[in-house]
PDB file of all heavy atoms in Angstrom:
ATOM      1  N   SER A   1     150.689 116.650  78.892  1.00  0.00           N
ATOM      2  CA  SER A   1     149.308 116.392  79.260  1.00  0.00           C
ATOM      3  C   SER A   1     149.070 116.966  80.645  1.00  0.00           C
ATOM      4  O   SER A   1     149.795 116.641  81.589  1.00  0.00           O
ATOM      5  CB  SER A   1     149.035 114.885  79.246  1.00  0.00           C
ATOM      6  OG  SER A   1     149.933 114.220  80.089  1.00  0.00           O
ATOM      7  N   GLU A   2     148.108 117.843  80.753  1.00  0.00           N
ATOM      8  CA  GLU A   2     147.916 118.583  81.997  1.00  0.00           C
ATOM      9  C   GLU A   2     147.018 117.839  82.965  1.00  0.00           C
ATOM     10  O   GLU A   2     145.895 117.431  82.627  1.00  0.00           O
ATOM     11  CB  GLU A   2     147.320 119.962  81.689  1.00  0.00           C
ATOM     12  CG  GLU A   2     148.285 120.903  80.998  1.00  0.00           C
ATOM     13  CD  GLU A   2     149.476 121.250  81.870  1.00  0.00           C
ATOM     14  OE1 GLU A   2     149.315 121.341  83.098  1.00  0.00           O
ATOM     15  OE2 GLU A   2     150.586 121.394  81.337  1.00  0.00           O
ATOM     16  N   ASN A   3     147.499 117.678  84.168  1.00  0.00           N
ATOM     17  CA  ASN A   3     146.670 117.219  85.269  1.00  0.00           C
ATOM     18  C   ASN A   3     146.267 118.422  86.096  1.00  0.00           C
ATOM     19  O   ASN A   3     146.912 119.479  86.026  1.00  0.00           O
ATOM     20  CB  ASN A   3     147.455 116.218  86.146  1.00  0.00           C
ATOM     21  CG  ASN A   3     147.750 114.930  85.417  1.00  0.00           C
ATOM     22  OD1 ASN A   3     146.902 114.401  84.706  1.00  0.00           O
ATOM     23  ND2 ASN A   3     148.974 114.417  85.569  1.00  0.00           N
ATOM     24  N   PRO A   4     145.219 118.326  86.894  1.00  0.00           N
ATOM     25  CA  PRO A   4     144.841 119.456  87.747  1.00  0.00           C
ATOM     26  C   PRO A   4     145.989 119.823  88.675  1.00  0.00           C
ATOM     27  O   PRO A   4     146.812 118.970  89.039  1.00  0.00           O
ATOM     28  CB  PRO A   4     143.641 118.899  88.548  1.00  0.00           C
ATOM     29  CG  PRO A   4     143.127 117.773  87.710  1.00  0.00           C
ATOM     30  CD  PRO A   4     144.315 117.183  87.037  1.00  0.00           C
ATOM     31  N   PRO A   5     146.093 121.105  89.068  1.00  0.00           N
ATOM     32  CA  PRO A   5     147.167 121.525  89.973  1.00  0.00           C
ATOM     33  C   PRO A   5     147.235 120.643  91.222  1.00  0.00           C
ATOM     34  O   PRO A   5     146.219 120.217  91.767  1.00  0.00           O
ATOM     35  CB  PRO A   5     146.769 122.973  90.329  1.00  0.00           C
ATOM     36  CG  PRO A   5     146.042 123.443  89.130  1.00  0.00           C
ATOM     37  CD  PRO A   5     145.238 122.242  88.653  1.00  0.00           C
ATOM     38  N   ASN A   6     148.454 120.375  91.649  1.00  0.00           N
ATOM     39  CA  ASN A   6     148.682 119.472  92.763  1.00  0.00           C
ATOM     40  C   ASN A   6     149.934 119.959  93.509  1.00  0.00           C
ATOM     41  O   ASN A   6     150.780 120.628  92.926  1.00  0.00           O
ATOM     42  CB  ASN A   6     148.895 118.048  92.225  1.00  0.00           C
ATOM     43  CG  ASN A   6     148.887 116.994  93.304  1.00  0.00           C
ATOM     44  OD1 ASN A   6     148.912 117.310  94.496  1.00  0.00           O
ATOM     45  ND2 ASN A   6     148.870 115.727  92.911  1.00  0.00           N
ATOM     46  N   HIS A   7     150.036 119.654  94.785  1.00  0.00           N
ATOM     47  CA  HIS A   7     151.214 120.062  95.526  1.00  0.00           C
ATOM     48  C   HIS A   7     152.387 119.129  95.288  1.00  0.00           C
ATOM     49  O   HIS A   7     153.492 119.352  95.788  1.00  0.00           O
ATOM     50  CB  HIS A   7     150.910 120.157  97.025  1.00  0.00           C
ATOM     51  CG  HIS A   7     150.666 118.829  97.676  1.00  0.00           C
ATOM     52  ND1 HIS A   7     149.516 118.101  97.464  1.00  0.00           N
ATOM     53  CD2 HIS A   7     151.424 118.081  98.525  1.00  0.00           C
ATOM     54  CE1 HIS A   7     149.563 116.970  98.151  1.00  0.00           C
ATOM     55  NE2 HIS A   7     150.717 116.938  98.809  1.00  0.00           N
ATOM     56  N   ILE A   8     152.165 118.082  94.482  1.00  0.00           N
ATOM     57  CA  ILE A   8     153.229 117.138  94.131  1.00  0.00           C
ATOM     58  C   ILE A   8     153.498 117.252  92.626  1.00  0.00           C
ATOM     59  O   ILE A   8     152.584 117.224  91.813  1.00  0.00           O
ATOM     60  CB  ILE A   8     152.838 115.694  94.491  1.00  0.00           C
ATOM     61  CG1 ILE A   8     152.632 115.563  95.999  1.00  0.00           C
ATOM     62  CG2 ILE A   8     153.923 114.716  94.025  1.00  0.00           C
ATOM     63  CD1 ILE A   8     152.168 114.200  96.444  1.00  0.00           C
ATOM     64  N   LEU A   9     154.792 117.378  92.269  1.00  0.00           N
ATOM     65  CA  LEU A   9     155.200 117.456  90.875  1.00  0.00           C
ATOM     66  C   LEU A   9     155.751 116.105  90.414  1.00  0.00           C
ATOM     67  O   LEU A   9     156.329 115.354  91.186  1.00  0.00           O
ATOM     68  CB  LEU A   9     156.295 118.531  90.695  1.00  0.00           C
ATOM     69  CG  LEU A   9     155.930 119.950  91.084  1.00  0.00           C
ATOM     70  CD1 LEU A   9     157.134 120.869  90.953  1.00  0.00           C
ATOM     71  CD2 LEU A   9     154.764 120.462  90.225  1.00  0.00           C
ATOM     72  N   PHE A  10     155.553 115.835  89.129  1.00  0.00           N
ATOM     73  CA  PHE A  10     156.051 114.606  88.513  1.00  0.00           C
ATOM     74  C   PHE A  10     157.118 114.980  87.502  1.00  0.00           C
ATOM     75  O   PHE A  10     156.856 115.737  86.562  1.00  0.00           O
ATOM     76  CB  PHE A  10     154.900 113.858  87.835  1.00  0.00           C
ATOM     77  CG  PHE A  10     155.321 112.596  87.123  1.00  0.00           C
ATOM     78  CD1 PHE A  10     156.039 111.610  87.777  1.00  0.00           C
ATOM     79  CD2 PHE A  10     154.968 112.393  85.781  1.00  0.00           C
ATOM     80  CE1 PHE A  10     156.414 110.439  87.123  1.00  0.00           C
ATOM     81  CE2 PHE A  10     155.337 111.240  85.119  1.00  0.00           C
ATOM     82  CZ  PHE A  10     156.061 110.266  85.790  1.00  0.00           C
ATOM     83  N   LEU A  11     158.336 114.487  87.674  1.00  0.00           N
ATOM     84  CA  LEU A  11     159.473 114.813  86.803  1.00  0.00           C
ATOM     85  C   LEU A  11     159.760 113.644  85.881  1.00  0.00           C
ATOM     86  O   LEU A  11     159.773 112.488  86.313  1.00  0.00           O
ATOM     87  CB  LEU A  11     160.725 115.111  87.629  1.00  0.00           C
ATOM     88  CG  LEU A  11     160.596 116.017  88.855  1.00  0.00           C
ATOM     89  CD1 LEU A  11     161.976 116.249  89.467  1.00  0.00           C
ATOM     90  CD2 LEU A  11     159.946 117.332  88.494  1.00  0.00           C
ATOM     91  N   THR A  12     160.011 113.932  84.607  1.00  0.00           N
ATOM     92  CA  THR A  12     160.394 112.905  83.650  1.00  0.00           C
ATOM     93  C   THR A  12     161.602 113.381  82.835  1.00  0.00           C
ATOM     94  O   THR A  12     162.001 114.532  82.913  1.00  0.00           O
ATOM     95  CB  THR A  12     159.224 112.567  82.689  1.00  0.00           C
ATOM     96  OG1 THR A  12     158.849 113.750  81.978  1.00  0.00           O
ATOM     97  CG2 THR A  12     158.017 112.048  83.446  1.00  0.00           C
ATOM     98  N   ASN A  13     162.146 112.447  82.029  1.00  0.00           N
ATOM     99  CA  ASN A  13     163.311 112.718  81.176  1.00  0.00           C
ATOM    100  C   ASN A  13     164.544 113.100  81.987  1.00  0.00           C
ATOM    101  O   ASN A  13     165.328 113.946  81.584  1.00  0.00           O
ATOM    102  CB  ASN A  13     163.002 113.804  80.154  1.00  0.00           C
ATOM    103  CG  ASN A  13     163.957 113.767  78.965  1.00  0.00           C
ATOM    104  OD1 ASN A  13     164.340 112.693  78.499  1.00  0.00           O
ATOM    105  ND2 ASN A  13     164.378 114.930  78.485  1.00  0.00           N
ATOM    106  N   LEU A  14     164.736 112.448  83.125  1.00  0.00           N
ATOM    107  CA  LEU A  14     165.901 112.705  83.956  1.00  0.00           C
ATOM    108  C   LEU A  14     167.065 111.826  83.513  1.00  0.00           C
ATOM    109  O   LEU A  14     166.852 110.678  83.097  1.00  0.00           O
ATOM    110  CB  LEU A  14     165.574 112.418  85.430  1.00  0.00           C
ATOM    111  CG  LEU A  14     164.427 113.227  86.032  1.00  0.00           C
ATOM    112  CD1 LEU A  14     164.142 112.749  87.471  1.00  0.00           C
ATOM    113  CD2 LEU A  14     164.769 114.712  86.043  1.00  0.00           C
ATOM    114  N   PRO A  15     168.301 112.311  83.565  1.00  0.00           N
ATOM    115  CA  PRO A  15     169.462 111.499  83.146  1.00  0.00           C
ATOM    116  C   PRO A  15     169.777 110.394  84.134  1.00  0.00           C
ATOM    117  O   PRO A  15     169.300 110.414  85.286  1.00  0.00           O
ATOM    118  CB  PRO A  15     170.601 112.517  83.098  1.00  0.00           C
ATOM    119  CG  PRO A  15     170.194 113.573  84.063  1.00  0.00           C
ATOM    120  CD  PRO A  15     168.711 113.668  83.980  1.00  0.00           C
ATOM    121  N   GLU A  16     170.595 109.466  83.710  1.00  0.00           N
ATOM    122  CA  GLU A  16     170.883 108.291  84.527  1.00  0.00           C
ATOM    123  C   GLU A  16     171.579 108.638  85.835  1.00  0.00           C
ATOM    124  O   GLU A  16     171.396 107.979  86.850  1.00  0.00           O
ATOM    125  CB  GLU A  16     171.763 107.317  83.724  1.00  0.00           C
ATOM    126  CG  GLU A  16     172.012 105.984  84.407  1.00  0.00           C
ATOM    127  CD  GLU A  16     172.733 104.998  83.501  1.00  0.00           C
ATOM    128  OE1 GLU A  16     172.942 105.343  82.318  1.00  0.00           O
ATOM    129  OE2 GLU A  16     173.089 103.918  83.987  1.00  0.00           O
ATOM    130  N   GLU A  17     172.404 109.724  85.814  1.00  0.00           N
ATOM    131  CA  GLU A  17     173.158 110.068  87.023  1.00  0.00           C
ATOM    132  C   GLU A  17     172.354 110.847  88.049  1.00  0.00           C
ATOM    133  O   GLU A  17     172.872 111.269  89.082  1.00  0.00           O
ATOM    134  CB  GLU A  17     174.416 110.866  86.640  1.00  0.00           C
ATOM    135  CG  GLU A  17     174.140 112.153  85.885  1.00  0.00           C
ATOM    136  CD  GLU A  17     174.185 111.928  84.381  1.00  0.00           C
ATOM    137  OE1 GLU A  17     173.844 110.826  83.918  1.00  0.00           O
ATOM    138  OE2 GLU A  17     174.569 112.869  83.669  1.00  0.00           O
ATOM    139  N   THR A  18     171.053 111.062  87.806  1.00  0.00           N
ATOM    140  CA  THR A  18     170.216 111.807  88.726  1.00  0.00           C
ATOM    141  C   THR A  18     170.162 111.116  90.096  1.00  0.00           C
ATOM    142  O   THR A  18     170.028 109.887  90.180  1.00  0.00           O
ATOM    143  CB  THR A  18     168.785 111.932  88.192  1.00  0.00           C
ATOM    144  OG1 THR A  18     168.827 112.595  86.929  1.00  0.00           O
ATOM    145  CG2 THR A  18     167.899 112.739  89.143  1.00  0.00           C
ATOM    146  N   ASN A  19     170.272 111.902  91.163  1.00  0.00           N
ATOM    147  CA  ASN A  19     170.103 111.349  92.492  1.00  0.00           C
ATOM    148  C   ASN A  19     169.262 112.308  93.343  1.00  0.00           C
ATOM    149  O   ASN A  19     168.965 113.431  92.930  1.00  0.00           O
ATOM    150  CB  ASN A  19     171.447 111.049  93.169  1.00  0.00           C
ATOM    151  CG  ASN A  19     172.339 112.282  93.256  1.00  0.00           C
ATOM    152  OD1 ASN A  19     171.886 113.356  93.611  1.00  0.00           O
ATOM    153  ND2 ASN A  19     173.614 112.117  92.934  1.00  0.00           N
ATOM    154  N   GLU A  20     168.856 111.840  94.508  1.00  0.00           N
ATOM    155  CA  GLU A  20     167.977 112.637  95.363  1.00  0.00           C
ATOM    156  C   GLU A  20     168.613 113.951  95.783  1.00  0.00           C
ATOM    157  O   GLU A  20     167.958 114.993  95.815  1.00  0.00           O
ATOM    158  CB  GLU A  20     167.616 111.800  96.609  1.00  0.00           C
ATOM    159  CG  GLU A  20     166.630 112.503  97.547  1.00  0.00           C
ATOM    160  CD  GLU A  20     166.256 111.621  98.732  1.00  0.00           C
ATOM    161  OE1 GLU A  20     166.496 110.398  98.651  1.00  0.00           O
ATOM    162  OE2 GLU A  20     165.724 112.155  99.707  1.00  0.00           O
ATOM    163  N   LEU A  21     169.900 113.916  96.070  1.00  0.00           N
ATOM    164  CA  LEU A  21     170.603 115.123  96.502  1.00  0.00           C
ATOM    165  C   LEU A  21     170.600 116.182  95.404  1.00  0.00           C
ATOM    166  O   LEU A  21     170.342 117.368  95.666  1.00  0.00           O
ATOM    167  CB  LEU A  21     172.031 114.761  96.887  1.00  0.00           C
ATOM    168  CG  LEU A  21     172.931 115.914  97.325  1.00  0.00           C
ATOM    169  CD1 LEU A  21     172.406 116.548  98.595  1.00  0.00           C
ATOM    170  CD2 LEU A  21     174.347 115.403  97.546  1.00  0.00           C
ATOM    171  N   MET A  22     170.863 115.776  94.189  1.00  0.00           N
ATOM    172  CA  MET A  22     170.914 116.712  93.078  1.00  0.00           C
ATOM    173  C   MET A  22     169.586 117.427  92.882  1.00  0.00           C
ATOM    174  O   MET A  22     169.518 118.647  92.733  1.00  0.00           O
ATOM    175  CB  MET A  22     171.280 115.922  91.800  1.00  0.00           C
ATOM    176  CG  MET A  22     171.553 116.783  90.575  1.00  0.00           C
ATOM    177  SD  MET A  22     171.783 115.756  89.108  1.00  0.00           S
ATOM    178  CE  MET A  22     173.164 114.722  89.601  1.00  0.00           C
ATOM    179  N   LEU A  23     168.476 116.662  92.901  1.00  0.00           N
ATOM    180  CA  LEU A  23     167.157 117.256  92.725  1.00  0.00           C
ATOM    181  C   LEU A  23     166.774 118.137  93.922  1.00  0.00           C
ATOM    182  O   LEU A  23     166.156 119.186  93.767  1.00  0.00           O
ATOM    183  CB  LEU A  23     166.122 116.159  92.513  1.00  0.00           C
ATOM    184  CG  LEU A  23     166.233 115.376  91.211  1.00  0.00           C
ATOM    185  CD1 LEU A  23     165.199 114.265  91.168  1.00  0.00           C
ATOM    186  CD2 LEU A  23     166.086 116.286  89.997  1.00  0.00           C
ATOM    187  N   SER A  24     167.167 117.719  95.110  1.00  0.00           N
ATOM    188  CA  SER A  24     166.880 118.510  96.303  1.00  0.00           C
ATOM    189  C   SER A  24     167.529 119.876  96.222  1.00  0.00           C
ATOM    190  O   SER A  24     166.940 120.891  96.578  1.00  0.00           O
ATOM    191  CB  SER A  24     167.342 117.779  97.559  1.00  0.00           C
ATOM    192  OG  SER A  24     166.619 116.591  97.768  1.00  0.00           O
ATOM    193  N   MET A  25     168.781 119.931  95.736  1.00  0.00           N
ATOM    194  CA  MET A  25     169.481 121.198  95.614  1.00  0.00           C
ATOM    195  C   MET A  25     168.802 122.123  94.616  1.00  0.00           C
ATOM    196  O   MET A  25     168.782 123.330  94.776  1.00  0.00           O
ATOM    197  CB  MET A  25     170.925 120.965  95.208  1.00  0.00           C
ATOM    198  CG  MET A  25     171.798 120.345  96.287  1.00  0.00           C
ATOM    199  SD  MET A  25     171.987 121.375  97.760  1.00  0.00           S
ATOM    200  CE  MET A  25     170.879 120.549  98.884  1.00  0.00           C
ATOM    201  N   LEU A  26     168.214 121.536  93.550  1.00  0.00           N
ATOM    202  CA  LEU A  26     167.523 122.348  92.548  1.00  0.00           C
ATOM    203  C   LEU A  26     166.216 122.927  93.078  1.00  0.00           C
ATOM    204  O   LEU A  26     165.896 124.105  92.877  1.00  0.00           O
ATOM    205  CB  LEU A  26     167.234 121.502  91.301  1.00  0.00           C
ATOM    206  CG  LEU A  26     168.382 121.251  90.335  1.00  0.00           C
ATOM    207  CD1 LEU A  26     167.935 120.329  89.220  1.00  0.00           C
ATOM    208  CD2 LEU A  26     168.898 122.569  89.766  1.00  0.00           C
ATOM    209  N   PHE A  27     165.443 122.098  93.774  1.00  0.00           N
ATOM    210  CA  PHE A  27     164.102 122.526  94.195  1.00  0.00           C
ATOM    211  C   PHE A  27     164.095 123.188  95.570  1.00  0.00           C
ATOM    212  O   PHE A  27     163.112 123.850  95.918  1.00  0.00           O
ATOM    213  CB  PHE A  27     163.151 121.325  94.179  1.00  0.00           C
ATOM    214  CG  PHE A  27     162.723 120.915  92.792  1.00  0.00           C
ATOM    215  CD1 PHE A  27     163.435 119.972  92.080  1.00  0.00           C
ATOM    216  CD2 PHE A  27     161.606 121.506  92.199  1.00  0.00           C
ATOM    217  CE1 PHE A  27     163.054 119.603  90.790  1.00  0.00           C
ATOM    218  CE2 PHE A  27     161.212 121.142  90.916  1.00  0.00           C
ATOM    219  CZ  PHE A  27     161.939 120.194  90.212  1.00  0.00           C
ATOM    220  N   ASN A  28     165.134 123.034  96.344  1.00  0.00           N
ATOM    221  CA  ASN A  28     165.174 123.603  97.686  1.00  0.00           C
ATOM    222  C   ASN A  28     165.177 125.126  97.676  1.00  0.00           C
ATOM    223  O   ASN A  28     164.870 125.785  98.690  1.00  0.00           O
ATOM    224  CB  ASN A  28     166.408 123.089  98.433  1.00  0.00           C
ATOM    225  CG  ASN A  28     166.398 123.495  99.896  1.00  0.00           C
ATOM    226  OD1 ASN A  28     165.412 123.338 100.586  1.00  0.00           O
ATOM    227  ND2 ASN A  28     167.513 124.015 100.357  1.00  0.00           N
ATOM    228  N   GLN A  29     165.508 125.754  96.524  1.00  0.00           N
ATOM    229  CA  GLN A  29     165.524 127.210  96.440  1.00  0.00           C
ATOM    230  C   GLN A  29     164.125 127.812  96.405  1.00  0.00           C
ATOM    231  O   GLN A  29     163.962 129.022  96.506  1.00  0.00           O
ATOM    232  CB  GLN A  29     166.306 127.663  95.199  1.00  0.00           C
ATOM    233  CG  GLN A  29     165.692 127.178  93.894  1.00  0.00           C
ATOM    234  CD  GLN A  29     166.520 127.567  92.692  1.00  0.00           C
ATOM    235  OE1 GLN A  29     166.789 128.731  92.480  1.00  0.00           O
ATOM    236  NE2 GLN A  29     166.928 126.574  91.904  1.00  0.00           N
ATOM    237  N   PHE A  30     163.098 126.970  96.261  1.00  0.00           N
ATOM    238  CA  PHE A  30     161.726 127.473  96.168  1.00  0.00           C
ATOM    239  C   PHE A  30     160.986 127.268  97.490  1.00  0.00           C
ATOM    240  O   PHE A  30     161.082 126.209  98.110  1.00  0.00           O
ATOM    241  CB  PHE A  30     160.986 126.771  95.030  1.00  0.00           C
ATOM    242  CG  PHE A  30     161.646 126.975  93.693  1.00  0.00           C
ATOM    243  CD1 PHE A  30     162.465 125.999  93.141  1.00  0.00           C
ATOM    244  CD2 PHE A  30     161.469 128.147  92.994  1.00  0.00           C
ATOM    245  CE1 PHE A  30     163.096 126.187  91.940  1.00  0.00           C
ATOM    246  CE2 PHE A  30     162.093 128.363  91.783  1.00  0.00           C
ATOM    247  CZ  PHE A  30     162.914 127.379  91.250  1.00  0.00           C
ATOM    248  N   PRO A  31     160.227 128.282  97.911  1.00  0.00           N
ATOM    249  CA  PRO A  31     159.496 128.197  99.196  1.00  0.00           C
ATOM    250  C   PRO A  31     158.523 127.015  99.194  1.00  0.00           C
ATOM    251  O   PRO A  31     157.922 126.682  98.169  1.00  0.00           O
ATOM    252  CB  PRO A  31     158.726 129.525  99.239  1.00  0.00           C
ATOM    253  CG  PRO A  31     159.502 130.452  98.369  1.00  0.00           C
ATOM    254  CD  PRO A  31     160.057 129.611  97.259  1.00  0.00           C
ATOM    255  N   GLY A  32     158.405 126.381 100.347  1.00  0.00           N
ATOM    256  CA  GLY A  32     157.445 125.281 100.499  1.00  0.00           C
ATOM    257  C   GLY A  32     157.976 123.918 100.144  1.00  0.00           C
ATOM    258  O   GLY A  32     157.241 122.915 100.268  1.00  0.00           O
ATOM    259  N   PHE A  33     159.231 123.829  99.693  1.00  0.00           N
ATOM    260  CA  PHE A  33     159.774 122.525  99.322  1.00  0.00           C
ATOM    261  C   PHE A  33     159.789 121.580 100.532  1.00  0.00           C
ATOM    262  O   PHE A  33     160.188 121.944 101.625  1.00  0.00           O
ATOM    263  CB  PHE A  33     161.202 122.698  98.784  1.00  0.00           C
ATOM    264  CG  PHE A  33     161.932 121.396  98.596  1.00  0.00           C
ATOM    265  CD1 PHE A  33     161.681 120.579  97.497  1.00  0.00           C
ATOM    266  CD2 PHE A  33     162.869 120.979  99.528  1.00  0.00           C
ATOM    267  CE1 PHE A  33     162.367 119.378  97.340  1.00  0.00           C
ATOM    268  CE2 PHE A  33     163.561 119.781  99.379  1.00  0.00           C
ATOM    269  CZ  PHE A  33     163.297 118.973  98.281  1.00  0.00           C
ATOM    270  N   LYS A  34     159.362 120.321 100.290  1.00  0.00           N
ATOM    271  CA  LYS A  34     159.323 119.346 101.376  1.00  0.00           C
ATOM    272  C   LYS A  34     160.301 118.196 101.123  1.00  0.00           C
ATOM    273  O   LYS A  34     161.186 117.941 101.935  1.00  0.00           O
ATOM    274  CB  LYS A  34     157.906 118.793 101.558  1.00  0.00           C
ATOM    275  CG  LYS A  34     156.917 119.835 102.081  1.00  0.00           C
ATOM    276  CD  LYS A  34     155.548 119.221 102.334  1.00  0.00           C
ATOM    277  CE  LYS A  34     155.549 118.256 103.506  1.00  0.00           C
ATOM    278  NZ  LYS A  34     154.182 117.771 103.817  1.00  0.00           N
ATOM    279  N   GLU A  35     160.149 117.491  99.987  1.00  0.00           N
ATOM    280  CA  GLU A  35     161.029 116.357  99.759  1.00  0.00           C
ATOM    281  C   GLU A  35     161.012 115.911  98.318  1.00  0.00           C
ATOM    282  O   GLU A  35     160.117 116.268  97.547  1.00  0.00           O
ATOM    283  CB  GLU A  35     160.621 115.173 100.658  1.00  0.00           C
ATOM    284  CG  GLU A  35     159.257 114.603 100.323  1.00  0.00           C
ATOM    285  CD  GLU A  35     158.958 113.332 101.113  1.00  0.00           C
ATOM    286  OE1 GLU A  35     159.895 112.771 101.704  1.00  0.00           O
ATOM    287  OE2 GLU A  35     157.791 112.882 101.101  1.00  0.00           O
ATOM    288  N   VAL A  36     162.030 115.106  97.960  1.00  0.00           N
ATOM    289  CA  VAL A  36     162.131 114.454  96.657  1.00  0.00           C
ATOM    290  C   VAL A  36     161.950 112.962  96.872  1.00  0.00           C
ATOM    291  O   VAL A  36     162.515 112.389  97.813  1.00  0.00           O
ATOM    292  CB  VAL A  36     163.500 114.732  95.999  1.00  0.00           C
ATOM    293  CG1 VAL A  36     163.707 113.837  94.773  1.00  0.00           C
ATOM    294  CG2 VAL A  36     163.618 116.185  95.593  1.00  0.00           C
ATOM    295  N   ARG A  37     161.176 112.333  95.992  1.00  0.00           N
ATOM    296  CA  ARG A  37     160.989 110.886  96.094  1.00  0.00           C
ATOM    297  C   ARG A  37     161.384 110.242  94.754  1.00  0.00           C
ATOM    298  O   ARG A  37     160.754 110.551  93.720  1.00  0.00           O
ATOM    299  CB  ARG A  37     159.533 110.547  96.454  1.00  0.00           C
ATOM    300  CG  ARG A  37     159.128 111.003  97.832  1.00  0.00           C
ATOM    301  CD  ARG A  37     157.876 110.312  98.302  1.00  0.00           C
ATOM    302  NE  ARG A  37     156.703 110.682  97.510  1.00  0.00           N
ATOM    303  CZ  ARG A  37     155.918 111.719  97.798  1.00  0.00           C
ATOM    304  NH1 ARG A  37     156.194 112.517  98.825  1.00  0.00           N
ATOM    305  NH2 ARG A  37     154.874 111.988  97.052  1.00  0.00           N
ATOM    306  N   LEU A  38     162.367 109.388  94.792  1.00  0.00           N
ATOM    307  CA  LEU A  38     162.763 108.643  93.594  1.00  0.00           C
ATOM    308  C   LEU A  38     161.971 107.348  93.482  1.00  0.00           C
ATOM    309  O   LEU A  38     161.426 106.861  94.481  1.00  0.00           O
ATOM    310  CB  LEU A  38     164.268 108.337  93.638  1.00  0.00           C
ATOM    311  CG  LEU A  38     165.201 109.553  93.745  1.00  0.00           C
ATOM    312  CD1 LEU A  38     166.648 109.082  93.762  1.00  0.00           C
ATOM    313  CD2 LEU A  38     164.979 110.523  92.605  1.00  0.00           C
TER     314      LEU A  38
END
């Protein structure tokens, strides 16, 4: 379901072992990355 473009992304279907560090390493490769919020 599409929401209007936003500078904040919403992630779903993450596994139980997901942590802030893991997601930060994935998204940090893209320009403009600021932070991950669990």
